[in-house]
All heavy atoms as atom14 arrays in JSON, in Angstrom:
{
  "sequence": "MVMLTGTRWIEKLMPPVVTGAVVMIIGLNL",
  "atom14_mask": [
    [1, 1, 1, 1, 1, 1, 1, 1, 0, 0, 0, 0, 0, 0],
    [1, 1, 1, 1, 1, 1, 1, 0, 0, 0, 0, 0, 0, 0],
    [1, 1, 1, 1, 1, 1, 1, 1, 0, 0, 0, 0, 0, 0],
    [1, 1, 1, 1, 1, 1, 1, 1, 0, 0, 0, 0, 0, 0],
    [1, 1, 1, 1, 1, 1, 1, 0, 0, 0, 0, 0, 0, 0],
    [1, 1, 1, 1, 0, 0, 0, 0, 0, 0, 0, 0, 0, 0],
    [1, 1, 1, 1, 1, 1, 1, 0, 0, 0, 0, 0, 0, 0],
    [1, 1, 1, 1, 1, 1, 1, 1, 1, 1, 1, 0, 0, 0],
    [1, 1, 1, 1, 1, 1, 1, 1, 1, 1, 1, 1, 1, 1],
    [1, 1, 1, 1, 1, 1, 1, 1, 0, 0, 0, 0, 0, 0],
    [1, 1, 1, 1, 1, 1, 1, 1, 1, 0, 0, 0, 0, 0],
    [1, 1, 1, 1, 1, 1, 1, 1, 1, 0, 0, 0, 0, 0],
    [1, 1, 1, 1, 1, 1, 1, 1, 0, 0, 0, 0, 0, 0],
    [1, 1, 1, 1, 1, 1, 1, 1, 0, 0, 0, 0, 0, 0],
    [1, 1, 1, 1, 1, 1, 1, 0, 0, 0, 0, 0, 0, 0],
    [1, 1, 1, 1, 1, 1, 1, 0, 0, 0, 0, 0, 0, 0],
    [1, 1, 1, 1, 1, 1, 1, 0, 0, 0, 0, 0, 0, 0],
    [1, 1, 1, 1, 1, 1, 1, 0, 0, 0, 0, 0, 0, 0],
    [1, 1, 1, 1, 1, 1, 1, 0, 0, 0, 0, 0, 0, 0],
    [1, 1, 1, 1, 0, 0, 0, 0, 0, 0, 0, 0, 0, 0],
    [1, 1, 1, 1, 1, 0, 0, 0, 0, 0, 0, 0, 0, 0],
    [1, 1, 1, 1, 1, 1, 1, 0, 0, 0, 0, 0, 0, 0],
    [1, 1, 1, 1, 1, 1, 1, 0, 0, 0, 0, 0, 0, 0],
    [1, 1, 1, 1, 1, 1, 1, 1, 0, 0, 0, 0, 0, 0],
    [1, 1, 1, 1, 1, 1, 1, 1, 0, 0, 0, 0, 0, 0],
    [1, 1, 1, 1, 1, 1, 1, 1, 0, 0, 0, 0, 0, 0],
    [1, 1, 1, 1, 0, 0, 0, 0, 0, 0, 0, 0, 0, 0],
    [1, 1, 1, 1, 1, 1, 1, 1, 0, 0, 0, 0, 0, 0],
    [1, 1, 1, 1, 1, 1, 1, 1, 0, 0, 0, 0, 0, 0],
    [1, 1, 1, 1, 1, 1, 1, 1, 0, 0, 0, 0, 0, 0]
  ],
  "atom14_positions": [
    [[95.23, 172.39, 64.27], [93.89, 172.23, 63.69], [93.96, 171.67, 62.28], [93.16, 170.81, 61.89], [93.16, 173.59, 63.68], [92.72, 174.07, 65.05], [91.92, 175.69, 64.99], [90.47, 175.33, 64.0], [0.0, 0.0, 0.0], [0.0, 0.0, 0.0], [0.0, 0.0, 0.0], [0.0, 0.0, 0.0], [0.0, 0.0, 0.0], [0.0, 0.0, 0.0]],
    [[94.93, 172.14, 61.5], [95.11, 171.64, 60.13], [95.52, 170.18, 60.15], [95.04, 169.37, 59.33], [96.16, 172.49, 59.38], [96.54, 171.84, 58.05], [95.62, 173.9, 59.13], [0.0, 0.0, 0.0], [0.0, 0.0, 0.0], [0.0, 0.0, 0.0], [0.0, 0.0, 0.0], [0.0, 0.0, 0.0], [0.0, 0.0, 0.0], [0.0, 0.0, 0.0]],
    [[96.37, 169.8, 61.1], [96.78, 168.4, 61.21], [95.58, 167.5, 61.51], [95.51, 166.36, 61.05], [97.84, 168.25, 62.31], [99.18, 168.86, 61.95], [100.4, 168.78, 63.3], [100.75, 167.02, 63.33], [0.0, 0.0, 0.0], [0.0, 0.0, 0.0], [0.0, 0.0, 0.0], [0.0, 0.0, 0.0], [0.0, 0.0, 0.0], [0.0, 0.0, 0.0]],
    [[94.61, 168.04, 62.26], [93.43, 167.26, 62.64], [92.34, 167.28, 61.59], [91.62, 166.28, 61.41], [92.86, 167.78, 63.97], [93.71, 167.55, 65.22], [93.12, 168.29, 66.41], [93.81, 166.05, 65.53], [0.0, 0.0, 0.0], [0.0, 0.0, 0.0], [0.0, 0.0, 0.0], [0.0, 0.0, 0.0], [0.0, 0.0, 0.0], [0.0, 0.0, 0.0]],
    [[92.18, 168.42, 60.87], [91.01, 168.6, 60.01], [91.32, 168.76, 58.53], [90.41, 168.79, 57.71], [90.2, 169.83, 60.48], [91.03, 171.01, 60.35], [89.77, 169.69, 61.93], [0.0, 0.0, 0.0], [0.0, 0.0, 0.0], [0.0, 0.0, 0.0], [0.0, 0.0, 0.0], [0.0, 0.0, 0.0], [0.0, 0.0, 0.0], [0.0, 0.0, 0.0]],
    [[92.58, 168.93, 58.15], [92.93, 169.14, 56.75], [93.07, 170.62, 56.41], [92.86, 171.5, 57.26], [0.0, 0.0, 0.0], [0.0, 0.0, 0.0], [0.0, 0.0, 0.0], [0.0, 0.0, 0.0], [0.0, 0.0, 0.0], [0.0, 0.0, 0.0], [0.0, 0.0, 0.0], [0.0, 0.0, 0.0], [0.0, 0.0, 0.0], [0.0, 0.0, 0.0]],
    [[93.36, 170.91, 55.15], [93.71, 172.28, 54.73], [92.57, 173.04, 54.04], [92.69, 174.23, 53.8], [94.89, 172.24, 53.74], [94.49, 171.5, 52.56], [96.11, 171.57, 54.35], [0.0, 0.0, 0.0], [0.0, 0.0, 0.0], [0.0, 0.0, 0.0], [0.0, 0.0, 0.0], [0.0, 0.0, 0.0], [0.0, 0.0, 0.0], [0.0, 0.0, 0.0]],
    [[91.48, 172.34, 53.73], [90.44, 172.96, 52.91], [89.84, 174.21, 53.55], [89.58, 175.22, 52.88], [89.33, 171.94, 52.62], [88.4, 172.37, 51.5], [87.55, 171.21, 51.01], [86.7, 171.64, 49.92], [85.48, 172.14, 50.07], [84.99, 172.27, 51.29], [84.76, 172.5, 49.03], [0.0, 0.0, 0.0], [0.0, 0.0, 0.0], [0.0, 0.0, 0.0]],
    [[89.65, 174.18, 54.87], [89.02, 175.32, 55.55], [89.92, 176.55, 55.54], [89.44, 177.68, 55.48], [88.63, 174.95, 56.97], [89.78, 174.66, 57.89], [90.42, 173.47, 58.07], [90.43, 175.59, 58.77], [91.43, 173.59, 58.99], [91.45, 174.88, 59.45], [90.24, 176.94, 59.06], [92.3, 175.48, 60.38], [91.07, 177.55, 60.0], [92.08, 176.81, 60.65]],
    [[91.23, 176.34, 55.58], [92.16, 177.46, 55.52], [92.07, 178.15, 54.16], [92.03, 179.38, 54.05], [93.61, 176.97, 55.75], [93.86, 176.76, 57.24], [94.64, 177.95, 55.21], [94.07, 178.04, 58.02], [0.0, 0.0, 0.0], [0.0, 0.0, 0.0], [0.0, 0.0, 0.0], [0.0, 0.0, 0.0], [0.0, 0.0, 0.0], [0.0, 0.0, 0.0]],
    [[92.03, 177.35, 53.1], [91.95, 177.89, 51.75], [90.61, 178.58, 51.52], [90.52, 179.53, 50.74], [92.18, 176.78, 50.73], [93.6, 176.21, 50.81], [93.82, 174.99, 49.92], [93.09, 174.01, 50.09], [94.73, 175.04, 49.09], [0.0, 0.0, 0.0], [0.0, 0.0, 0.0], [0.0, 0.0, 0.0], [0.0, 0.0, 0.0], [0.0, 0.0, 0.0]],
    [[89.55, 178.1, 52.21], [88.23, 178.73, 52.11], [88.19, 180.05, 52.88], [87.6, 181.05, 52.43], [87.18, 177.77, 52.68], [85.74, 178.16, 52.38], [85.36, 177.81, 50.95], [83.88, 178.05, 50.72], [83.5, 177.83, 49.3], [0.0, 0.0, 0.0], [0.0, 0.0, 0.0], [0.0, 0.0, 0.0], [0.0, 0.0, 0.0], [0.0, 0.0, 0.0]],
    [[88.83, 180.07, 54.06], [88.83, 181.27, 54.9], [89.64, 182.39, 54.26], [89.27, 183.57, 54.37], [89.43, 180.92, 56.27], [89.45, 182.04, 57.33], [88.03, 182.35, 57.79], [90.31, 181.63, 58.51], [0.0, 0.0, 0.0], [0.0, 0.0, 0.0], [0.0, 0.0, 0.0], [0.0, 0.0, 0.0], [0.0, 0.0, 0.0], [0.0, 0.0, 0.0]],
    [[90.75, 182.01, 53.6], [91.64, 183.02, 53.03], [91.92, 182.73, 51.55], [93.0, 182.28, 51.19], [92.95, 183.07, 53.81], [92.77, 183.58, 55.22], [94.36, 183.83, 56.06], [94.93, 182.14, 56.13], [0.0, 0.0, 0.0], [0.0, 0.0, 0.0], [0.0, 0.0, 0.0], [0.0, 0.0, 0.0], [0.0, 0.0, 0.0], [0.0, 0.0, 0.0]],
    [[90.94, 182.98, 50.69], [91.16, 182.82, 49.25], [92.13, 183.88, 48.75], [92.46, 184.82, 49.48], [89.76, 183.02, 48.67], [89.06, 183.9, 49.65], [89.58, 183.5, 50.98], [0.0, 0.0, 0.0], [0.0, 0.0, 0.0], [0.0, 0.0, 0.0], [0.0, 0.0, 0.0], [0.0, 0.0, 0.0], [0.0, 0.0, 0.0], [0.0, 0.0, 0.0]],
    [[92.6, 183.77, 47.52], [93.6, 184.72, 46.99], [93.21, 186.19, 47.09], [94.07, 187.04, 47.29], [93.73, 184.29, 45.53], [93.42, 182.83, 45.54], [92.35, 182.67, 46.58], [0.0, 0.0, 0.0], [0.0, 0.0, 0.0], [0.0, 0.0, 0.0], [0.0, 0.0, 0.0], [0.0, 0.0, 0.0], [0.0, 0.0, 0.0], [0.0, 0.0, 0.0]],
    [[91.92, 186.52, 46.98], [91.53, 187.93, 47.06], [91.84, 188.5, 48.45], [92.24, 189.66, 48.59], [90.03, 188.12, 46.72], [89.13, 187.43, 47.75], [89.7, 189.6, 46.6], [0.0, 0.0, 0.0], [0.0, 0.0, 0.0], [0.0, 0.0, 0.0], [0.0, 0.0, 0.0], [0.0, 0.0, 0.0], [0.0, 0.0, 0.0], [0.0, 0.0, 0.0]],
    [[91.7, 187.66, 49.48], [91.99, 188.09, 50.85], [93.5, 188.13, 51.09], [94.03, 189.13, 51.57], [91.32, 187.15, 51.88], [91.8, 187.46, 53.3], [89.81, 187.29, 51.8], [0.0, 0.0, 0.0], [0.0, 0.0, 0.0], [0.0, 0.0, 0.0], [0.0, 0.0, 0.0], [0.0, 0.0, 0.0], [0.0, 0.0, 0.0], [0.0, 0.0, 0.0]],
    [[94.2, 187.04, 50.77], [95.64, 186.99, 51.05], [96.39, 188.06, 50.25], [97.32, 188.68, 50.77], [96.22, 185.6, 50.71], [95.9, 185.26, 49.36], [95.67, 184.55, 51.65], [0.0, 0.0, 0.0], [0.0, 0.0, 0.0], [0.0, 0.0, 0.0], [0.0, 0.0, 0.0], [0.0, 0.0, 0.0], [0.0, 0.0, 0.0], [0.0, 0.0, 0.0]],
    [[95.97, 188.29, 49.0], [96.62, 189.33, 48.2], [96.47, 190.7, 48.82], [97.43, 191.47, 48.9], [0.0, 0.0, 0.0], [0.0, 0.0, 0.0], [0.0, 0.0, 0.0], [0.0, 0.0, 0.0], [0.0, 0.0, 0.0], [0.0, 0.0, 0.0], [0.0, 0.0, 0.0], [0.0, 0.0, 0.0], [0.0, 0.0, 0.0], [0.0, 0.0, 0.0]],
    [[95.26, 191.01, 49.27], [95.0, 192.33, 49.88], [95.76, 192.5, 51.18], [96.32, 193.56, 51.46], [93.5, 192.5, 50.11], [0.0, 0.0, 0.0], [0.0, 0.0, 0.0], [0.0, 0.0, 0.0], [0.0, 0.0, 0.0], [0.0, 0.0, 0.0], [0.0, 0.0, 0.0], [0.0, 0.0, 0.0], [0.0, 0.0, 0.0], [0.0, 0.0, 0.0]],
    [[95.79, 191.45, 52.0], [96.46, 191.54, 53.3], [97.97, 191.71, 53.13], [98.6, 192.51, 53.82], [96.15, 190.28, 54.15], [97.02, 190.25, 55.4], [94.67, 190.28, 54.55], [0.0, 0.0, 0.0], [0.0, 0.0, 0.0], [0.0, 0.0, 0.0], [0.0, 0.0, 0.0], [0.0, 0.0, 0.0], [0.0, 0.0, 0.0], [0.0, 0.0, 0.0]],
    [[98.56, 190.96, 52.2], [99.99, 191.11, 51.93], [100.28, 192.53, 51.42], [101.25, 193.18, 51.83], [100.48, 190.07, 50.9], [101.9, 190.38, 50.43], [100.43, 188.67, 51.51], [0.0, 0.0, 0.0], [0.0, 0.0, 0.0], [0.0, 0.0, 0.0], [0.0, 0.0, 0.0], [0.0, 0.0, 0.0], [0.0, 0.0, 0.0], [0.0, 0.0, 0.0]],
    [[99.43, 193.04, 50.55], [99.62, 194.37, 49.98], [99.63, 195.47, 51.04], [100.45, 196.39, 51.0], [98.52, 194.65, 48.95], [98.66, 196.0, 48.25], [97.41, 196.24, 46.98], [98.04, 195.18, 45.68], [0.0, 0.0, 0.0], [0.0, 0.0, 0.0], [0.0, 0.0, 0.0], [0.0, 0.0, 0.0], [0.0, 0.0, 0.0], [0.0, 0.0, 0.0]],
    [[98.74, 195.38, 52.03], [98.64, 196.46, 53.01], [99.82, 196.49, 53.98], [100.06, 197.52, 54.62], [97.32, 196.38, 53.82], [97.25, 195.07, 54.62], [96.13, 196.55, 52.91], [96.07, 194.98, 55.57], [0.0, 0.0, 0.0], [0.0, 0.0, 0.0], [0.0, 0.0, 0.0], [0.0, 0.0, 0.0], [0.0, 0.0, 0.0], [0.0, 0.0, 0.0]],
    [[100.57, 195.41, 54.08], [101.76, 195.43, 54.94], [102.73, 196.49, 54.43], [103.29, 197.28, 55.19], [102.45, 194.05, 54.96], [101.54, 193.0, 55.58], [103.76, 194.12, 55.75], [102.08, 191.59, 55.47], [0.0, 0.0, 0.0], [0.0, 0.0, 0.0], [0.0, 0.0, 0.0], [0.0, 0.0, 0.0], [0.0, 0.0, 0.0], [0.0, 0.0, 0.0]],
    [[102.93, 196.5, 53.11], [103.82, 197.5, 52.51], [103.22, 198.89, 52.52], [103.89, 199.87, 52.88], [0.0, 0.0, 0.0], [0.0, 0.0, 0.0], [0.0, 0.0, 0.0], [0.0, 0.0, 0.0], [0.0, 0.0, 0.0], [0.0, 0.0, 0.0], [0.0, 0.0, 0.0], [0.0, 0.0, 0.0], [0.0, 0.0, 0.0], [0.0, 0.0, 0.0]],
    [[101.96, 199.02, 52.15], [101.32, 200.33, 52.06], [101.19, 201.01, 53.42], [101.33, 202.23, 53.53], [99.93, 200.18, 51.43], [99.9, 199.78, 49.95], [98.46, 199.56, 49.48], [100.58, 200.84, 49.08], [0.0, 0.0, 0.0], [0.0, 0.0, 0.0], [0.0, 0.0, 0.0], [0.0, 0.0, 0.0], [0.0, 0.0, 0.0], [0.0, 0.0, 0.0]],
    [[100.93, 200.23, 54.46], [100.75, 200.8, 55.79], [102.02, 201.46, 56.3], [101.98, 202.45, 57.03], [100.31, 199.69, 56.76], [100.02, 200.2, 58.15], [100.89, 200.19, 59.01], [98.79, 200.65, 58.39], [0.0, 0.0, 0.0], [0.0, 0.0, 0.0], [0.0, 0.0, 0.0], [0.0, 0.0, 0.0], [0.0, 0.0, 0.0], [0.0, 0.0, 0.0]],
    [[103.17, 200.93, 55.88], [104.45, 201.43, 56.37], [105.03, 202.57, 55.54], [105.95, 203.25, 55.98], [105.46, 200.29, 56.42], [105.21, 199.24, 57.5], [106.01, 197.99, 57.19], [105.58, 199.77, 58.86], [0.0, 0.0, 0.0], [0.0, 0.0, 0.0], [0.0, 0.0, 0.0], [0.0, 0.0, 0.0], [0.0, 0.0, 0.0], [0.0, 0.0, 0.0]]
  ]
}
């Protein structure tokens, strides 16, 4: 999909506030 449409939608779907929180919970959950 990125090859066809570009990267902008990915960066919009997962801004730093989302990616930071998701990465953080990997460690906390375990």
